[in-house]
Amino acid sequence: MTMYSLLQVAAEAASNSRGLGFIGAGIGGGLAVIGAGIGIGRIGGSAAEGMARQPEAAGRIQTAALIFAALVEGVALFAAVIAYQIQGKL
């Protein structure tokens, strides 16, 4: 093998790993958003069910649900930011 072909093989291997890194970062960010959507959906559904069962506690349930949804969203945002930072390092 000549020196040129070795460099060409090395360049192709580097571009393949970079592409796989982009795919991994995209999947990571997507899974974070999907997980947050599922979590917030369950919080909302459970809060609505709780308020329907005990209307007198609706204010406390709504406040707790809002705090829990914010925590889930914060974790998802953190995961998405990390995934995109990983993508930028490639």
N, C-alpha and C. Protein backbone atom coordinates (compact mmCIF):
# COMPACT_ATOMS: atom_id res chain seq x y z
N MET A 1 0.83 -1.18 0.00
CA MET A 1 0.00 0.00 0.00
C MET A 1 0.88 1.25 0.00
N THR A 2 0.42 2.20 -0.73
CA THR A 2 1.16 3.46 -0.76
C THR A 2 0.74 4.35 0.41
N MET A 3 1.50 5.37 0.63
CA MET A 3 1.21 6.29 1.72
C MET A 3 -0.12 7.00 1.48
N TYR A 4 -0.42 7.31 0.22
CA TYR A 4 -1.67 8.00 -0.10
C TYR A 4 -2.87 7.13 0.25
N SER A 5 -2.82 5.85 -0.07
CA SER A 5 -3.96 4.98 0.20
C SER A 5 -4.15 4.78 1.71
N LEU A 6 -3.05 4.75 2.46
CA LEU A 6 -3.18 4.64 3.91
C LEU A 6 -3.85 5.88 4.49
N LEU A 7 -3.48 7.05 3.99
CA LEU A 7 -4.11 8.28 4.46
C LEU A 7 -5.58 8.34 4.07
N GLN A 8 -5.88 7.83 2.89
CA GLN A 8 -7.26 7.82 2.43
C GLN A 8 -8.12 6.89 3.31
N VAL A 9 -7.58 5.73 3.65
CA VAL A 9 -8.30 4.80 4.52
C VAL A 9 -8.51 5.41 5.90
N ALA A 10 -7.50 6.08 6.42
CA ALA A 10 -7.62 6.73 7.73
C ALA A 10 -8.66 7.84 7.70
N ALA A 11 -8.71 8.61 6.63
CA ALA A 11 -9.69 9.69 6.51
C ALA A 11 -11.11 9.14 6.43
N GLU A 12 -11.28 8.04 5.70
CA GLU A 12 -12.61 7.43 5.61
C GLU A 12 -13.06 6.89 6.95
N ALA A 13 -12.15 6.28 7.70
CA ALA A 13 -12.50 5.76 9.02
C ALA A 13 -12.88 6.89 9.97
N ALA A 14 -12.18 8.01 9.89
CA ALA A 14 -12.50 9.15 10.76
C ALA A 14 -13.85 9.74 10.40
N SER A 15 -14.18 9.83 9.12
CA SER A 15 -15.47 10.40 8.72
C SER A 15 -16.61 9.46 9.11
N ASN A 16 -16.39 8.16 9.08
CA ASN A 16 -17.43 7.22 9.49
C ASN A 16 -17.73 7.34 10.98
N SER A 17 -16.70 7.46 11.81
CA SER A 17 -16.94 7.57 13.25
C SER A 17 -17.60 8.91 13.58
N ARG A 18 -17.27 9.93 12.82
CA ARG A 18 -17.92 11.22 13.06
C ARG A 18 -19.40 11.16 12.71
N GLY A 19 -19.73 10.49 11.64
CA GLY A 19 -21.14 10.33 11.27
C GLY A 19 -21.90 9.53 12.31
N LEU A 20 -21.28 8.48 12.82
CA LEU A 20 -21.93 7.69 13.87
C LEU A 20 -22.10 8.52 15.14
N GLY A 21 -21.15 9.40 15.41
CA GLY A 21 -21.29 10.29 16.57
C GLY A 21 -22.48 11.22 16.42
N PHE A 22 -22.69 11.75 15.20
CA PHE A 22 -23.85 12.60 14.95
C PHE A 22 -25.15 11.83 15.14
N ILE A 23 -25.17 10.60 14.67
CA ILE A 23 -26.36 9.77 14.83
C ILE A 23 -26.62 9.51 16.33
N GLY A 24 -25.56 9.20 17.06
CA GLY A 24 -25.71 8.96 18.49
C GLY A 24 -26.20 10.18 19.24
N ALA A 25 -25.68 11.34 18.91
CA ALA A 25 -26.12 12.58 19.56
C ALA A 25 -27.58 12.86 19.23
N GLY A 26 -27.97 12.63 17.99
CA GLY A 26 -29.37 12.84 17.61
C GLY A 26 -30.31 11.88 18.32
N ILE A 27 -29.90 10.63 18.41
CA ILE A 27 -30.73 9.65 19.12
C ILE A 27 -30.82 10.01 20.60
N GLY A 28 -29.71 10.43 21.20
CA GLY A 28 -29.73 10.81 22.61
C GLY A 28 -30.65 11.98 22.88
N GLY A 29 -30.58 13.00 22.06
CA GLY A 29 -31.46 14.15 22.23
C GLY A 29 -32.92 13.80 22.00
N GLY A 30 -33.16 12.96 21.00
CA GLY A 30 -34.53 12.53 20.71
C GLY A 30 -35.14 11.70 21.83
N LEU A 31 -34.35 10.79 22.38
CA LEU A 31 -34.85 9.98 23.49
C LEU A 31 -35.13 10.83 24.73
N ALA A 32 -34.32 11.85 24.94
CA ALA A 32 -34.57 12.74 26.08
C ALA A 32 -35.90 13.46 25.92
N VAL A 33 -36.18 13.93 24.72
CA VAL A 33 -37.43 14.65 24.47
C VAL A 33 -38.63 13.70 24.55
N ILE A 34 -38.49 12.49 24.02
CA ILE A 34 -39.57 11.52 24.09
C ILE A 34 -39.85 11.14 25.54
N GLY A 35 -38.81 10.91 26.32
CA GLY A 35 -38.98 10.58 27.72
C GLY A 35 -39.66 11.69 28.49
N ALA A 36 -39.29 12.93 28.20
CA ALA A 36 -39.93 14.06 28.87
C ALA A 36 -41.41 14.15 28.49
N GLY A 37 -41.71 13.91 27.24
CA GLY A 37 -43.12 13.95 26.81
C GLY A 37 -43.95 12.89 27.51
N ILE A 38 -43.40 11.70 27.63
CA ILE A 38 -44.12 10.63 28.33
C ILE A 38 -44.28 10.99 29.81
N GLY A 39 -43.22 11.49 30.43
CA GLY A 39 -43.27 11.84 31.84
C GLY A 39 -44.27 12.94 32.13
N ILE A 40 -44.25 13.98 31.32
CA ILE A 40 -45.18 15.10 31.54
C ILE A 40 -46.62 14.67 31.25
N GLY A 41 -46.80 13.81 30.27
CA GLY A 41 -48.14 13.28 30.00
C GLY A 41 -48.69 12.48 31.17
N ARG A 42 -47.84 11.68 31.77
CA ARG A 42 -48.29 10.91 32.94
C ARG A 42 -48.58 11.82 34.12
N ILE A 43 -47.76 12.84 34.31
CA ILE A 43 -48.00 13.79 35.40
C ILE A 43 -49.34 14.48 35.20
N GLY A 44 -49.58 14.95 33.98
CA GLY A 44 -50.84 15.64 33.70
C GLY A 44 -52.06 14.75 33.86
N GLY A 45 -51.95 13.52 33.38
CA GLY A 45 -53.06 12.58 33.51
C GLY A 45 -53.35 12.24 34.96
N SER A 46 -52.30 11.99 35.72
CA SER A 46 -52.49 11.67 37.13
C SER A 46 -53.03 12.86 37.91
N ALA A 47 -52.59 14.06 37.55
CA ALA A 47 -53.09 15.26 38.23
C ALA A 47 -54.57 15.47 37.92
N ALA A 48 -54.96 15.28 36.68
CA ALA A 48 -56.37 15.43 36.32
C ALA A 48 -57.23 14.39 37.03
N GLU A 49 -56.72 13.17 37.12
CA GLU A 49 -57.46 12.12 37.83
C GLU A 49 -57.57 12.45 39.32
N GLY A 50 -56.49 12.93 39.91
CA GLY A 50 -56.51 13.30 41.32
C GLY A 50 -57.46 14.44 41.60
N MET A 51 -57.50 15.44 40.72
CA MET A 51 -58.42 16.56 40.90
C MET A 51 -59.87 16.13 40.71
N ALA A 52 -60.10 15.16 39.83
CA ALA A 52 -61.46 14.67 39.64
C ALA A 52 -61.93 13.89 40.87
N ARG A 53 -61.03 13.18 41.52
CA ARG A 53 -61.40 12.41 42.71
C ARG A 53 -61.56 13.29 43.94
N GLN A 54 -60.73 14.31 44.06
CA GLN A 54 -60.77 15.20 45.22
C GLN A 54 -60.73 16.66 44.76
N PRO A 55 -61.86 17.20 44.37
CA PRO A 55 -61.86 18.58 43.86
C PRO A 55 -61.39 19.61 44.89
N GLU A 56 -61.55 19.31 46.16
CA GLU A 56 -61.13 20.28 47.19
C GLU A 56 -59.61 20.40 47.27
N ALA A 57 -58.87 19.41 46.76
CA ALA A 57 -57.41 19.45 46.80
C ALA A 57 -56.81 19.84 45.45
N ALA A 58 -57.64 20.40 44.57
CA ALA A 58 -57.19 20.69 43.21
C ALA A 58 -56.02 21.67 43.19
N GLY A 59 -56.03 22.67 44.04
CA GLY A 59 -54.96 23.67 44.05
C GLY A 59 -53.61 23.06 44.43
N ARG A 60 -53.62 22.23 45.46
CA ARG A 60 -52.36 21.59 45.88
C ARG A 60 -51.87 20.60 44.83
N ILE A 61 -52.79 19.85 44.23
CA ILE A 61 -52.39 18.88 43.20
C ILE A 61 -51.82 19.60 41.99
N GLN A 62 -52.46 20.70 41.60
CA GLN A 62 -51.98 21.45 40.44
C GLN A 62 -50.59 22.03 40.69
N THR A 63 -50.37 22.55 41.88
CA THR A 63 -49.06 23.11 42.22
C THR A 63 -47.98 22.03 42.19
N ALA A 64 -48.28 20.88 42.79
CA ALA A 64 -47.30 19.78 42.80
C ALA A 64 -47.03 19.28 41.39
N ALA A 65 -48.08 19.17 40.58
CA ALA A 65 -47.91 18.69 39.20
C ALA A 65 -47.04 19.66 38.40
N LEU A 66 -47.23 20.94 38.60
CA LEU A 66 -46.43 21.94 37.88
C LEU A 66 -44.96 21.84 38.27
N ILE A 67 -44.69 21.64 39.55
CA ILE A 67 -43.30 21.51 40.01
C ILE A 67 -42.67 20.24 39.43
N PHE A 68 -43.41 19.14 39.48
CA PHE A 68 -42.88 17.88 38.93
C PHE A 68 -42.63 18.00 37.42
N ALA A 69 -43.54 18.64 36.70
CA ALA A 69 -43.36 18.80 35.26
C ALA A 69 -42.12 19.66 34.96
N ALA A 70 -41.90 20.68 35.76
CA ALA A 70 -40.72 21.53 35.57
C ALA A 70 -39.44 20.73 35.82
N LEU A 71 -39.45 19.87 36.82
CA LEU A 71 -38.26 19.04 37.09
C LEU A 71 -37.99 18.07 35.94
N VAL A 72 -39.04 17.45 35.42
CA VAL A 72 -38.86 16.52 34.30
C VAL A 72 -38.34 17.28 33.08
N GLU A 73 -38.90 18.43 32.82
CA GLU A 73 -38.48 19.23 31.66
C GLU A 73 -37.03 19.69 31.81
N GLY A 74 -36.63 20.03 33.03
CA GLY A 74 -35.25 20.44 33.27
C GLY A 74 -34.27 19.32 32.99
N VAL A 75 -34.59 18.12 33.41
CA VAL A 75 -33.72 16.98 33.14
C VAL A 75 -33.64 16.71 31.64
N ALA A 76 -34.77 16.80 30.95
CA ALA A 76 -34.77 16.57 29.50
C ALA A 76 -33.96 17.64 28.77
N LEU A 77 -34.09 18.88 29.19
CA LEU A 77 -33.32 19.95 28.57
C LEU A 77 -31.83 19.74 28.79
N PHE A 78 -31.46 19.34 30.00
CA PHE A 78 -30.06 19.05 30.30
C PHE A 78 -29.53 17.94 29.40
N ALA A 79 -30.29 16.86 29.24
CA ALA A 79 -29.86 15.74 28.40
C ALA A 79 -29.73 16.16 26.93
N ALA A 80 -30.67 16.96 26.45
CA ALA A 80 -30.60 17.42 25.06
C ALA A 80 -29.40 18.33 24.84
N VAL A 81 -29.10 19.21 25.78
CA VAL A 81 -27.95 20.10 25.66
C VAL A 81 -26.65 19.29 25.66
N ILE A 82 -26.55 18.30 26.52
CA ILE A 82 -25.36 17.44 26.55
C ILE A 82 -25.20 16.71 25.23
N ALA A 83 -26.31 16.20 24.68
CA ALA A 83 -26.23 15.48 23.40
C ALA A 83 -25.73 16.41 22.29
N TYR A 84 -26.21 17.65 22.26
CA TYR A 84 -25.77 18.56 21.22
C TYR A 84 -24.35 19.06 21.44
N GLN A 85 -23.92 19.12 22.68
CA GLN A 85 -22.53 19.47 22.94
C GLN A 85 -21.60 18.34 22.48
N ILE A 86 -22.02 17.12 22.70
CA ILE A 86 -21.24 15.99 22.20
C ILE A 86 -21.15 16.06 20.67
N GLN A 87 -22.26 16.43 20.03
CA GLN A 87 -22.27 16.54 18.58
C GLN A 87 -21.29 17.62 18.13
N GLY A 88 -21.20 18.72 18.86
CA GLY A 88 -20.29 19.80 18.49
C GLY A 88 -18.83 19.44 18.65
N LYS A 89 -18.52 18.50 19.53
CA LYS A 89 -17.12 18.09 19.78
C LYS A 89 -16.60 17.15 18.71
N LEU A 90 -17.50 16.59 17.92
CA LEU A 90 -17.06 15.61 16.90
C LEU A 90 -16.46 16.29 15.71
